[in-house]
Amino acid sequence: MTVYTLPELPYDYAALEPHISAKIMELHHDKHHKAYVDGANAALDGLAAARDAGDFGGINKLEKDLAFHLGGHTNHTIFWNNLAGDGGGEPEGELSAAIAEFFGDYAKFQAHFAANATAIQGSGWSVLAWDSLAERLNVFQLFDQQGNVPVGTQPILMLDMWEHAFYLDYLNVKADYVKAFWNIVNWQDAQARFEAARTKTQGLITL
């Protein structure tokens, strides 16, 4: 049976310093991300056992567990690749043009995304995503690991706003963490995700 596996980081733990410490990256990847992978696999095992036994009394919990842990796994897999030690600056090419089209300009997008991130109540993510229905970029808050995600969206850029992502470095000053994030954004990865999302949109039936 296919199981989820923990991907390797695409860089060393210390590659994002001084913006994100090696200690946080080690804990975040090896402990937190691994827990989501293990949780998703455990939920799959539970669902398989329920099918074999013909006992679906716990299916609501198992489905919620799968959604939460699989969300954590996929979100972090995107997040690691959205970051680079030599990142920062501004997007270029088609992604830059799309940001200007849908947000006015890069500065307005950056302010919107940062405000979105720091305003999250509790745990969650700030997400720049491609909406395949309207064929446009949107920014939205993702609650926990899976809540409030519009159907038909493809994440382009994600920022983890769970406390475990920044507390050792920035304590409760979320704005400083968000400010530091812009120095390590991997815009090349975001551009590749943007191009892939738009390509997949072509030919889809829209409402």
N, C-alpha and C. Protein backbone atom coordinates (compact mmCIF):
# COMPACT_ATOMS: atom_id res chain seq x y z
N MET A 1 0.84 -1.19 0.00
CA MET A 1 0.00 0.00 0.00
C MET A 1 0.88 1.25 0.00
N THR A 2 0.49 2.22 -0.81
CA THR A 2 1.23 3.47 -0.88
C THR A 2 1.10 4.23 0.44
N VAL A 3 2.23 4.71 0.94
CA VAL A 3 2.22 5.50 2.16
C VAL A 3 2.89 6.84 1.89
N TYR A 4 2.60 7.81 2.76
CA TYR A 4 3.24 9.11 2.65
C TYR A 4 4.61 9.04 3.30
N THR A 5 5.56 9.76 2.74
CA THR A 5 6.92 9.75 3.28
C THR A 5 7.39 11.19 3.50
N LEU A 6 8.29 11.35 4.45
CA LEU A 6 8.84 12.66 4.76
C LEU A 6 9.90 13.03 3.72
N PRO A 7 9.70 14.12 2.97
CA PRO A 7 10.72 14.51 1.99
C PRO A 7 11.93 15.12 2.67
N GLU A 8 13.06 15.00 2.03
CA GLU A 8 14.26 15.66 2.52
C GLU A 8 14.13 17.17 2.30
N LEU A 9 14.73 17.94 3.20
CA LEU A 9 14.81 19.38 2.95
C LEU A 9 15.68 19.62 1.72
N PRO A 10 15.35 20.62 0.90
CA PRO A 10 16.17 20.89 -0.28
C PRO A 10 17.42 21.71 0.03
N TYR A 11 17.76 21.86 1.32
CA TYR A 11 18.93 22.63 1.74
C TYR A 11 19.27 22.21 3.17
N ASP A 12 20.39 22.66 3.68
CA ASP A 12 20.80 22.35 5.05
C ASP A 12 19.93 23.11 6.05
N TYR A 13 19.91 22.62 7.29
CA TYR A 13 19.12 23.27 8.33
C TYR A 13 19.48 24.75 8.47
N ALA A 14 20.77 25.06 8.32
CA ALA A 14 21.24 26.43 8.56
C ALA A 14 21.15 27.32 7.32
N ALA A 15 20.63 26.82 6.23
CA ALA A 15 20.67 27.55 4.96
C ALA A 15 19.86 28.84 4.98
N LEU A 16 18.87 28.93 5.86
CA LEU A 16 17.99 30.09 5.88
C LEU A 16 18.37 31.11 6.95
N GLU A 17 19.44 30.85 7.68
CA GLU A 17 19.88 31.80 8.70
C GLU A 17 20.37 33.08 8.03
N PRO A 18 20.22 34.24 8.68
CA PRO A 18 19.72 34.45 10.05
C PRO A 18 18.20 34.60 10.14
N HIS A 19 17.52 34.41 9.04
CA HIS A 19 16.08 34.68 9.01
C HIS A 19 15.27 33.58 9.70
N ILE A 20 15.67 32.33 9.52
CA ILE A 20 15.11 31.21 10.27
C ILE A 20 16.27 30.36 10.73
N SER A 21 16.34 30.09 12.02
CA SER A 21 17.49 29.40 12.59
C SER A 21 17.51 27.93 12.23
N ALA A 22 18.72 27.36 12.29
CA ALA A 22 18.89 25.92 12.05
C ALA A 22 18.10 25.10 13.06
N LYS A 23 18.03 25.57 14.30
CA LYS A 23 17.30 24.84 15.34
C LYS A 23 15.83 24.72 15.00
N ILE A 24 15.24 25.83 14.57
CA ILE A 24 13.82 25.78 14.18
C ILE A 24 13.63 24.86 12.98
N MET A 25 14.50 24.96 11.99
CA MET A 25 14.33 24.13 10.80
C MET A 25 14.44 22.65 11.14
N GLU A 26 15.36 22.30 12.03
CA GLU A 26 15.50 20.90 12.41
C GLU A 26 14.25 20.39 13.12
N LEU A 27 13.77 21.15 14.10
CA LEU A 27 12.58 20.76 14.83
C LEU A 27 11.34 20.75 13.92
N HIS A 28 11.25 21.76 13.10
CA HIS A 28 10.08 21.93 12.25
C HIS A 28 9.97 20.78 11.25
N HIS A 29 11.08 20.45 10.62
CA HIS A 29 11.07 19.38 9.62
C HIS A 29 11.05 18.00 10.25
N ASP A 30 12.00 17.74 11.14
CA ASP A 30 12.19 16.38 11.65
C ASP A 30 11.13 15.95 12.65
N LYS A 31 10.54 16.90 13.36
CA LYS A 31 9.54 16.57 14.38
C LYS A 31 8.12 16.88 13.91
N HIS A 32 7.87 18.15 13.58
CA HIS A 32 6.50 18.55 13.25
C HIS A 32 6.04 17.97 11.92
N HIS A 33 6.85 18.14 10.87
CA HIS A 33 6.44 17.60 9.57
C HIS A 33 6.32 16.08 9.64
N LYS A 34 7.27 15.44 10.30
CA LYS A 34 7.21 13.97 10.41
C LYS A 34 5.94 13.52 11.12
N ALA A 35 5.50 14.28 12.13
CA ALA A 35 4.28 13.92 12.86
C ALA A 35 3.07 13.96 11.92
N TYR A 36 3.05 14.91 10.99
CA TYR A 36 1.94 14.96 10.04
C TYR A 36 1.97 13.77 9.08
N VAL A 37 3.15 13.40 8.63
CA VAL A 37 3.28 12.23 7.76
C VAL A 37 2.80 10.98 8.49
N ASP A 38 3.28 10.80 9.72
CA ASP A 38 2.88 9.63 10.51
C ASP A 38 1.37 9.64 10.77
N GLY A 39 0.82 10.81 11.04
CA GLY A 39 -0.62 10.92 11.31
C GLY A 39 -1.46 10.59 10.09
N ALA A 40 -1.02 11.04 8.92
CA ALA A 40 -1.75 10.73 7.69
C ALA A 40 -1.74 9.23 7.42
N ASN A 41 -0.59 8.60 7.60
CA ASN A 41 -0.50 7.16 7.39
C ASN A 41 -1.35 6.39 8.40
N ALA A 42 -1.37 6.86 9.65
CA ALA A 42 -2.19 6.21 10.67
C ALA A 42 -3.68 6.31 10.33
N ALA A 43 -4.08 7.46 9.78
CA ALA A 43 -5.48 7.63 9.39
C ALA A 43 -5.84 6.68 8.24
N LEU A 44 -4.93 6.52 7.29
CA LEU A 44 -5.17 5.57 6.20
C LEU A 44 -5.30 4.15 6.72
N ASP A 45 -4.43 3.80 7.66
CA ASP A 45 -4.51 2.47 8.27
C ASP A 45 -5.84 2.27 8.98
N GLY A 46 -6.30 3.31 9.67
CA GLY A 46 -7.56 3.24 10.38
C GLY A 46 -8.74 3.07 9.44
N LEU A 47 -8.70 3.77 8.30
CA LEU A 47 -9.76 3.64 7.31
C LEU A 47 -9.76 2.26 6.68
N ALA A 48 -8.57 1.72 6.42
CA ALA A 48 -8.48 0.37 5.86
C ALA A 48 -9.03 -0.66 6.84
N ALA A 49 -8.70 -0.49 8.12
CA ALA A 49 -9.21 -1.40 9.14
C ALA A 49 -10.73 -1.31 9.25
N ALA A 50 -11.26 -0.10 9.13
CA ALA A 50 -12.71 0.08 9.19
C ALA A 50 -13.40 -0.62 8.03
N ARG A 51 -12.81 -0.53 6.84
CA ARG A 51 -13.40 -1.20 5.68
C ARG A 51 -13.37 -2.72 5.86
N ASP A 52 -12.24 -3.23 6.35
CA ASP A 52 -12.11 -4.68 6.54
C ASP A 52 -13.11 -5.20 7.56
N ALA A 53 -13.34 -4.41 8.61
CA ALA A 53 -14.24 -4.84 9.68
C ALA A 53 -15.70 -4.50 9.38
N GLY A 54 -15.90 -3.67 8.37
CA GLY A 54 -17.26 -3.22 8.09
C GLY A 54 -17.82 -2.37 9.22
N ASP A 55 -16.93 -1.71 9.94
CA ASP A 55 -17.32 -0.89 11.09
C ASP A 55 -16.89 0.54 10.83
N PHE A 56 -17.84 1.40 10.50
CA PHE A 56 -17.53 2.78 10.14
C PHE A 56 -17.98 3.77 11.21
N GLY A 57 -18.10 3.29 12.43
CA GLY A 57 -18.53 4.16 13.52
C GLY A 57 -17.58 5.31 13.80
N GLY A 58 -16.29 5.13 13.47
CA GLY A 58 -15.30 6.18 13.73
C GLY A 58 -14.88 6.92 12.48
N ILE A 59 -15.67 6.82 11.41
CA ILE A 59 -15.22 7.37 10.14
C ILE A 59 -15.08 8.89 10.17
N ASN A 60 -15.95 9.58 10.92
CA ASN A 60 -15.84 11.04 10.98
C ASN A 60 -14.48 11.47 11.54
N LYS A 61 -14.06 10.84 12.62
CA LYS A 61 -12.76 11.18 13.22
C LYS A 61 -11.62 10.82 12.27
N LEU A 62 -11.70 9.66 11.64
CA LEU A 62 -10.63 9.24 10.75
C LEU A 62 -10.50 10.17 9.55
N GLU A 63 -11.63 10.60 8.99
CA GLU A 63 -11.58 11.51 7.85
C GLU A 63 -11.02 12.87 8.26
N LYS A 64 -11.40 13.36 9.44
CA LYS A 64 -10.86 14.63 9.93
C LYS A 64 -9.37 14.51 10.21
N ASP A 65 -8.96 13.37 10.77
CA ASP A 65 -7.54 13.15 11.02
C ASP A 65 -6.74 13.15 9.72
N LEU A 66 -7.28 12.48 8.71
CA LEU A 66 -6.59 12.43 7.42
C LEU A 66 -6.48 13.82 6.81
N ALA A 67 -7.57 14.58 6.85
CA ALA A 67 -7.54 15.93 6.28
C ALA A 67 -6.52 16.81 6.99
N PHE A 68 -6.49 16.75 8.31
CA PHE A 68 -5.57 17.58 9.09
C PHE A 68 -4.12 17.20 8.83
N HIS A 69 -3.81 15.92 8.96
CA HIS A 69 -2.41 15.50 8.82
C HIS A 69 -1.92 15.56 7.38
N LEU A 70 -2.79 15.22 6.44
CA LEU A 70 -2.38 15.32 5.04
C LEU A 70 -2.21 16.79 4.66
N GLY A 71 -3.06 17.66 5.21
CA GLY A 71 -2.86 19.08 4.99
C GLY A 71 -1.51 19.54 5.51
N GLY A 72 -1.15 19.10 6.72
CA GLY A 72 0.15 19.45 7.27
C GLY A 72 1.30 18.97 6.42
N HIS A 73 1.16 17.77 5.89
CA HIS A 73 2.21 17.20 5.03
C HIS A 73 2.35 17.98 3.73
N THR A 74 1.25 18.21 3.04
CA THR A 74 1.34 18.90 1.76
C THR A 74 1.74 20.37 1.93
N ASN A 75 1.21 21.03 2.95
CA ASN A 75 1.57 22.44 3.18
C ASN A 75 3.05 22.60 3.42
N HIS A 76 3.61 21.75 4.28
CA HIS A 76 5.04 21.87 4.58
C HIS A 76 5.91 21.51 3.38
N THR A 77 5.48 20.54 2.59
CA THR A 77 6.25 20.16 1.41
C THR A 77 6.36 21.34 0.45
N ILE A 78 5.26 22.09 0.29
CA ILE A 78 5.29 23.29 -0.54
C ILE A 78 6.15 24.37 0.12
N PHE A 79 5.96 24.55 1.42
CA PHE A 79 6.66 25.61 2.16
C PHE A 79 8.17 25.48 2.07
N TRP A 80 8.70 24.27 2.25
CA TRP A 80 10.16 24.10 2.18
C TRP A 80 10.69 24.57 0.84
N ASN A 81 9.98 24.24 -0.23
CA ASN A 81 10.44 24.61 -1.56
C ASN A 81 10.18 26.07 -1.90
N ASN A 82 9.27 26.70 -1.17
CA ASN A 82 9.02 28.14 -1.33
C ASN A 82 10.13 28.99 -0.73
N LEU A 83 11.08 28.37 -0.02
CA LEU A 83 12.15 29.08 0.67
C LEU A 83 13.50 28.75 0.06
N ALA A 84 14.42 29.70 0.13
CA ALA A 84 15.78 29.49 -0.36
C ALA A 84 16.72 30.47 0.33
N GLY A 85 17.90 29.99 0.67
CA GLY A 85 18.86 30.85 1.33
C GLY A 85 19.28 32.04 0.48
N ASP A 86 19.25 31.87 -0.83
CA ASP A 86 19.60 32.96 -1.75
C ASP A 86 18.36 33.59 -2.36
N GLY A 87 17.23 33.47 -1.65
CA GLY A 87 15.97 34.00 -2.17
C GLY A 87 15.82 35.49 -1.90
N GLY A 88 14.58 35.93 -1.90
CA GLY A 88 14.30 37.34 -1.67
C GLY A 88 14.10 38.10 -2.97
N GLY A 89 14.12 39.39 -2.86
CA GLY A 89 13.87 40.23 -4.03
C GLY A 89 12.41 40.23 -4.40
N GLU A 90 12.12 40.36 -5.68
CA GLU A 90 10.76 40.39 -6.17
C GLU A 90 10.57 39.38 -7.29
N PRO A 91 9.35 38.92 -7.50
CA PRO A 91 9.10 37.99 -8.60
C PRO A 91 9.34 38.67 -9.94
N GLU A 92 9.58 37.84 -10.95
CA GLU A 92 9.81 38.36 -12.28
C GLU A 92 8.84 37.69 -13.25
N GLY A 93 8.88 38.10 -14.48
CA GLY A 93 8.15 37.44 -15.55
C GLY A 93 6.65 37.44 -15.37
N GLU A 94 6.02 36.32 -15.71
CA GLU A 94 4.57 36.22 -15.72
C GLU A 94 3.96 36.33 -14.33
N LEU A 95 4.65 35.81 -13.33
CA LEU A 95 4.13 35.92 -11.97
C LEU A 95 4.12 37.37 -11.53
N SER A 96 5.17 38.10 -11.84
CA SER A 96 5.21 39.53 -11.51
C SER A 96 4.07 40.27 -12.20
N ALA A 97 3.84 39.95 -13.47
CA ALA A 97 2.77 40.61 -14.21
C ALA A 97 1.40 40.27 -13.62
N ALA A 98 1.22 39.02 -13.20
CA ALA A 98 -0.07 38.61 -12.63
C ALA A 98 -0.30 39.29 -11.28
N ILE A 99 0.74 39.41 -10.48
CA ILE A 99 0.61 40.11 -9.20
C ILE A 99 0.22 41.56 -9.43
N ALA A 100 0.83 42.20 -10.41
CA ALA A 100 0.47 43.58 -10.73
C ALA A 100 -0.97 43.67 -11.21
N GLU A 101 -1.40 42.69 -12.00
CA GLU A 101 -2.77 42.71 -12.53
C GLU A 101 -3.81 42.56 -11.43
N PHE A 102 -3.58 41.64 -10.50
CA PHE A 102 -4.62 41.30 -9.54
C PHE A 102 -4.49 42.02 -8.20
N PHE A 103 -3.33 42.63 -7.93
CA PHE A 103 -3.15 43.33 -6.66
C PHE A 103 -2.76 44.79 -6.82
N GLY A 104 -2.52 45.23 -8.02
CA GLY A 104 -2.14 46.62 -8.26
C GLY A 104 -0.67 46.78 -8.53
N ASP A 105 0.16 46.30 -7.62
CA ASP A 105 1.60 46.23 -7.81
C ASP A 105 2.18 45.34 -6.71
N TYR A 106 3.49 45.10 -6.76
CA TYR A 106 4.10 44.18 -5.81
C TYR A 106 4.00 44.69 -4.38
N ALA A 107 4.19 45.99 -4.18
CA ALA A 107 4.13 46.56 -2.82
C ALA A 107 2.75 46.34 -2.20
N LYS A 108 1.70 46.51 -3.00
CA LYS A 108 0.35 46.31 -2.48
C LYS A 108 0.11 44.83 -2.16
N PHE A 109 0.60 43.94 -3.01
CA PHE A 109 0.49 42.51 -2.73
C PHE A 109 1.22 42.15 -1.45
N GLN A 110 2.45 42.65 -1.30
CA GLN A 110 3.26 42.35 -0.12
C GLN A 110 2.56 42.82 1.14
N ALA A 111 1.99 44.01 1.11
CA ALA A 111 1.28 44.54 2.28
C ALA A 111 0.05 43.70 2.59
N HIS A 112 -0.68 43.30 1.55
CA HIS A 112 -1.87 42.47 1.72
C HIS A 112 -1.50 41.12 2.33
N PHE A 113 -0.50 40.47 1.76
CA PHE A 113 -0.08 39.15 2.23
C PHE A 113 0.40 39.21 3.67
N ALA A 114 1.19 40.24 4.02
CA ALA A 114 1.72 40.38 5.37
C ALA A 114 0.60 40.63 6.37
N ALA A 115 -0.34 41.50 6.02
CA ALA A 115 -1.47 41.76 6.91
C ALA A 115 -2.31 40.51 7.10
N ASN A 116 -2.50 39.77 6.03
CA ASN A 116 -3.24 38.51 6.07
C ASN A 116 -2.58 37.53 7.04
N ALA A 117 -1.26 37.46 6.99
CA ALA A 117 -0.51 36.52 7.83
C ALA A 117 -0.58 36.90 9.31
N THR A 118 -0.33 38.15 9.61
CA THR A 118 -0.28 38.56 11.02
C THR A 118 -1.66 38.61 11.66
N ALA A 119 -2.71 38.64 10.85
CA ALA A 119 -4.07 38.71 11.39
C ALA A 119 -4.69 37.35 11.68
N ILE A 120 -3.99 36.28 11.33
CA ILE A 120 -4.54 34.94 11.56
C ILE A 120 -4.78 34.74 13.04
N GLN A 121 -5.97 34.30 13.39
CA GLN A 121 -6.34 34.04 14.78
C GLN A 121 -6.04 32.57 15.09
N GLY A 122 -5.04 32.35 15.95
CA GLY A 122 -4.65 30.98 16.25
C GLY A 122 -3.62 30.49 15.25
N SER A 123 -3.76 29.24 14.82
CA SER A 123 -2.77 28.61 13.95
C SER A 123 -3.26 28.58 12.51
N GLY A 124 -2.34 28.75 11.58
CA GLY A 124 -2.73 28.70 10.17
C GLY A 124 -1.62 29.15 9.24
N TRP A 125 -2.00 29.44 8.02
CA TRP A 125 -1.07 29.80 6.97
C TRP A 125 -1.60 31.01 6.20
N SER A 126 -0.68 31.79 5.63
CA SER A 126 -1.05 32.80 4.65
C SER A 126 -0.69 32.23 3.28
N VAL A 127 -1.62 32.33 2.34
CA VAL A 127 -1.46 31.63 1.06
C VAL A 127 -1.75 32.56 -0.11
N LEU A 128 -0.84 32.57 -1.08
CA LEU A 128 -1.10 33.13 -2.40
C LEU A 128 -1.43 31.95 -3.29
N ALA A 129 -2.59 31.97 -3.91
CA ALA A 129 -3.03 30.80 -4.69
C ALA A 129 -3.66 31.22 -6.00
N TRP A 130 -3.62 30.30 -6.95
CA TRP A 130 -4.28 30.49 -8.23
C TRP A 130 -5.67 29.88 -8.16
N ASP A 131 -6.67 30.69 -8.44
CA ASP A 131 -8.07 30.25 -8.45
C ASP A 131 -8.40 29.78 -9.86
N SER A 132 -8.62 28.48 -10.03
CA SER A 132 -8.84 27.92 -11.36
C SER A 132 -10.21 28.27 -11.91
N LEU A 133 -11.15 28.69 -11.06
CA LEU A 133 -12.48 29.06 -11.53
C LEU A 133 -12.47 30.45 -12.16
N ALA A 134 -11.99 31.44 -11.41
CA ALA A 134 -11.94 32.82 -11.91
C ALA A 134 -10.68 33.09 -12.72
N GLU A 135 -9.72 32.14 -12.66
CA GLU A 135 -8.42 32.30 -13.33
C GLU A 135 -7.75 33.59 -12.89
N ARG A 136 -7.49 33.64 -11.57
CA ARG A 136 -6.86 34.81 -10.99
C ARG A 136 -6.11 34.38 -9.73
N LEU A 137 -5.22 35.27 -9.27
CA LEU A 137 -4.53 35.07 -8.01
C LEU A 137 -5.38 35.63 -6.87
N ASN A 138 -5.40 34.91 -5.75
CA ASN A 138 -6.04 35.36 -4.52
C ASN A 138 -5.11 35.12 -3.34
N VAL A 139 -5.30 35.89 -2.28
CA VAL A 139 -4.63 35.66 -1.01
C VAL A 139 -5.70 35.27 0.00
N PHE A 140 -5.45 34.20 0.77
CA PHE A 140 -6.41 33.80 1.78
C PHE A 140 -5.70 33.20 2.98
N GLN A 141 -6.42 33.16 4.10
CA GLN A 141 -5.94 32.51 5.31
C GLN A 141 -6.37 31.05 5.31
N LEU A 142 -5.45 30.17 5.62
CA LEU A 142 -5.75 28.76 5.79
C LEU A 142 -5.72 28.48 7.28
N PHE A 143 -6.82 27.99 7.83
CA PHE A 143 -6.91 27.74 9.27
C PHE A 143 -6.36 26.35 9.60
N ASP A 144 -5.59 26.28 10.68
CA ASP A 144 -4.92 25.03 11.07
C ASP A 144 -4.12 24.51 9.87
N GLN A 145 -4.42 23.30 9.38
CA GLN A 145 -3.71 22.78 8.21
C GLN A 145 -4.63 22.56 7.02
N GLN A 146 -5.95 22.73 7.20
CA GLN A 146 -6.86 22.33 6.14
C GLN A 146 -8.13 23.16 6.04
N GLY A 147 -8.40 24.04 6.98
CA GLY A 147 -9.67 24.75 6.98
C GLY A 147 -9.66 26.04 6.17
N ASN A 148 -10.81 26.35 5.55
CA ASN A 148 -11.01 27.59 4.82
C ASN A 148 -10.33 27.60 3.45
N VAL A 149 -10.04 26.43 2.89
CA VAL A 149 -9.38 26.36 1.59
C VAL A 149 -10.43 26.38 0.48
N PRO A 150 -10.45 27.38 -0.37
CA PRO A 150 -11.42 27.40 -1.46
C PRO A 150 -11.16 26.24 -2.44
N VAL A 151 -12.22 25.56 -2.84
CA VAL A 151 -12.08 24.46 -3.80
C VAL A 151 -11.58 25.01 -5.13
N GLY A 152 -10.68 24.28 -5.77
CA GLY A 152 -10.19 24.68 -7.08
C GLY A 152 -9.03 25.64 -7.05
N THR A 153 -8.37 25.77 -5.90
CA THR A 153 -7.21 26.66 -5.82
C THR A 153 -5.92 25.85 -5.77
N GLN A 154 -4.88 26.43 -6.31
CA GLN A 154 -3.55 25.81 -6.33
C GLN A 154 -2.57 26.73 -5.61
N PRO A 155 -2.01 26.31 -4.48
CA PRO A 155 -1.08 27.18 -3.74
C PRO A 155 0.15 27.54 -4.57
N ILE A 156 0.51 28.81 -4.52
CA ILE A 156 1.70 29.31 -5.21
C ILE A 156 2.79 29.65 -4.21
N LEU A 157 2.39 30.33 -3.12
CA LEU A 157 3.33 30.76 -2.08
C LEU A 157 2.64 30.61 -0.74
N MET A 158 3.30 29.94 0.21
CA MET A 158 2.70 29.69 1.52
C MET A 158 3.64 30.11 2.63
N LEU A 159 3.07 30.69 3.68
CA LEU A 159 3.85 31.08 4.86
C LEU A 159 3.22 30.44 6.09
N ASP A 160 3.98 29.62 6.78
CA ASP A 160 3.52 28.92 7.98
C ASP A 160 3.45 29.92 9.13
N MET A 161 2.25 30.10 9.70
CA MET A 161 2.07 31.02 10.81
C MET A 161 1.74 30.29 12.11
N TRP A 162 2.00 28.98 12.16
CA TRP A 162 1.92 28.27 13.43
C TRP A 162 3.09 28.75 14.31
N GLU A 163 2.88 28.80 15.61
CA GLU A 163 3.95 29.32 16.49
C GLU A 163 5.23 28.49 16.41
N HIS A 164 5.11 27.21 16.14
CA HIS A 164 6.33 26.39 16.08
C HIS A 164 7.24 26.80 14.92
N ALA A 165 6.70 27.57 13.96
CA ALA A 165 7.50 28.00 12.82
C ALA A 165 8.40 29.18 13.13
N PHE A 166 8.10 29.91 14.21
CA PHE A 166 8.86 31.15 14.44
C PHE A 166 9.15 31.48 15.90
N TYR A 167 8.52 30.82 16.85
CA TYR A 167 8.57 31.30 18.23
C TYR A 167 9.98 31.30 18.82
N LEU A 168 10.78 30.31 18.52
CA LEU A 168 12.15 30.26 19.07
C LEU A 168 12.99 31.45 18.60
N ASP A 169 12.70 31.96 17.42
CA ASP A 169 13.46 33.08 16.87
C ASP A 169 12.83 34.44 17.13
N TYR A 170 11.51 34.51 17.07
CA TYR A 170 10.84 35.81 17.09
C TYR A 170 9.86 35.98 18.25
N LEU A 171 9.78 35.00 19.13
CA LEU A 171 8.84 35.01 20.23
C LEU A 171 7.43 35.30 19.70
N ASN A 172 6.75 36.28 20.25
CA ASN A 172 5.37 36.54 19.82
C ASN A 172 5.27 37.68 18.80
N VAL A 173 6.40 38.13 18.28
CA VAL A 173 6.39 39.25 17.34
C VAL A 173 6.26 38.70 15.92
N LYS A 174 5.05 38.38 15.54
CA LYS A 174 4.81 37.75 14.25
C LYS A 174 5.21 38.65 13.09
N ALA A 175 5.06 39.95 13.26
CA ALA A 175 5.38 40.87 12.17
C ALA A 175 6.86 40.80 11.77
N ASP A 176 7.75 40.60 12.75
CA ASP A 176 9.18 40.49 12.44
C ASP A 176 9.47 39.21 11.65
N TYR A 177 8.78 38.14 11.99
CA TYR A 177 8.93 36.88 11.26
C TYR A 177 8.46 37.04 9.82
N VAL A 178 7.33 37.68 9.63
CA VAL A 178 6.81 37.89 8.27
C VAL A 178 7.76 38.78 7.47
N LYS A 179 8.30 39.81 8.12
CA LYS A 179 9.25 40.69 7.44
C LYS A 179 10.49 39.92 7.00
N ALA A 180 10.97 39.03 7.86
CA ALA A 180 12.15 38.23 7.53
C ALA A 180 11.87 37.26 6.37
N PHE A 181 10.64 36.78 6.29
CA PHE A 181 10.24 35.83 5.26
C PHE A 181 10.56 36.34 3.86
N TRP A 182 10.37 37.64 3.63
CA TRP A 182 10.56 38.18 2.28
C TRP A 182 12.02 38.07 1.82
N ASN A 183 12.94 37.88 2.76
CA ASN A 183 14.36 37.74 2.40
C ASN A 183 14.71 36.34 1.90
N ILE A 184 13.83 35.38 2.10
CA ILE A 184 14.14 33.99 1.74
C ILE A 184 13.07 33.36 0.84
N VAL A 185 12.18 34.18 0.28
CA VAL A 185 11.19 33.63 -0.65
C VAL A 185 11.90 33.12 -1.91
N ASN A 186 11.57 31.91 -2.30
CA ASN A 186 12.11 31.33 -3.53
C ASN A 186 11.13 31.64 -4.66
N TRP A 187 11.32 32.78 -5.29
CA TRP A 187 10.39 33.20 -6.34
C TRP A 187 10.47 32.31 -7.57
N GLN A 188 11.59 31.65 -7.79
CA GLN A 188 11.68 30.72 -8.91
C GLN A 188 10.73 29.55 -8.71
N ASP A 189 10.66 29.04 -7.47
CA ASP A 189 9.73 27.95 -7.18
C ASP A 189 8.29 28.44 -7.32
N ALA A 190 8.00 29.63 -6.80
CA ALA A 190 6.66 30.18 -6.91
C ALA A 190 6.27 30.36 -8.37
N GLN A 191 7.21 30.83 -9.19
CA GLN A 191 6.94 31.01 -10.62
C GLN A 191 6.62 29.68 -11.28
N ALA A 192 7.38 28.64 -10.95
CA ALA A 192 7.13 27.32 -11.53
C ALA A 192 5.76 26.79 -11.13
N ARG A 193 5.38 27.01 -9.87
CA ARG A 193 4.08 26.57 -9.40
C ARG A 193 2.96 27.36 -10.10
N PHE A 194 3.20 28.64 -10.32
CA PHE A 194 2.23 29.49 -10.99
C PHE A 194 2.02 29.02 -12.43
N GLU A 195 3.10 28.76 -13.14
CA GLU A 195 2.99 28.31 -14.52
C GLU A 195 2.26 26.97 -14.62
N ALA A 196 2.58 26.06 -13.69
CA ALA A 196 1.92 24.75 -13.69
C ALA A 196 0.43 24.88 -13.40
N ALA A 197 0.08 25.75 -12.45
CA ALA A 197 -1.33 25.94 -12.08
C ALA A 197 -2.12 26.51 -13.25
N ARG A 198 -1.56 27.48 -13.93
CA ARG A 198 -2.28 28.08 -15.06
C ARG A 198 -2.42 27.09 -16.21
N THR A 199 -1.43 26.25 -16.42
CA THR A 199 -1.51 25.25 -17.47
C THR A 199 -2.62 24.25 -17.18
N LYS A 200 -2.73 23.84 -15.91
CA LYS A 200 -3.77 22.89 -15.53
C LYS A 200 -5.16 23.49 -15.67
N THR A 201 -5.26 24.80 -15.53
CA THR A 201 -6.55 25.48 -15.64
C THR A 201 -7.10 25.40 -17.06
N GLN A 202 -6.24 25.41 -18.05
CA GLN A 202 -6.67 25.42 -19.44
C GLN A 202 -7.46 24.16 -19.74
N GLY A 203 -8.63 24.34 -20.28
CA GLY A 203 -9.46 23.21 -20.66
C GLY A 203 -10.42 22.76 -19.58
N LEU A 204 -10.34 23.34 -18.38
CA LEU A 204 -11.27 22.97 -17.32
C LEU A 204 -12.65 23.56 -17.59
N ILE A 205 -13.67 22.83 -17.18
CA ILE A 205 -15.03 23.34 -17.29
C ILE A 205 -15.26 24.32 -16.16
N THR A 206 -15.68 25.53 -16.44
CA THR A 206 -15.94 26.54 -15.42
C THR A 206 -17.43 26.82 -15.32
N LEU A 207 -17.84 27.31 -14.17
CA LEU A 207 -19.25 27.60 -13.94
C LEU A 207 -19.63 28.95 -14.54
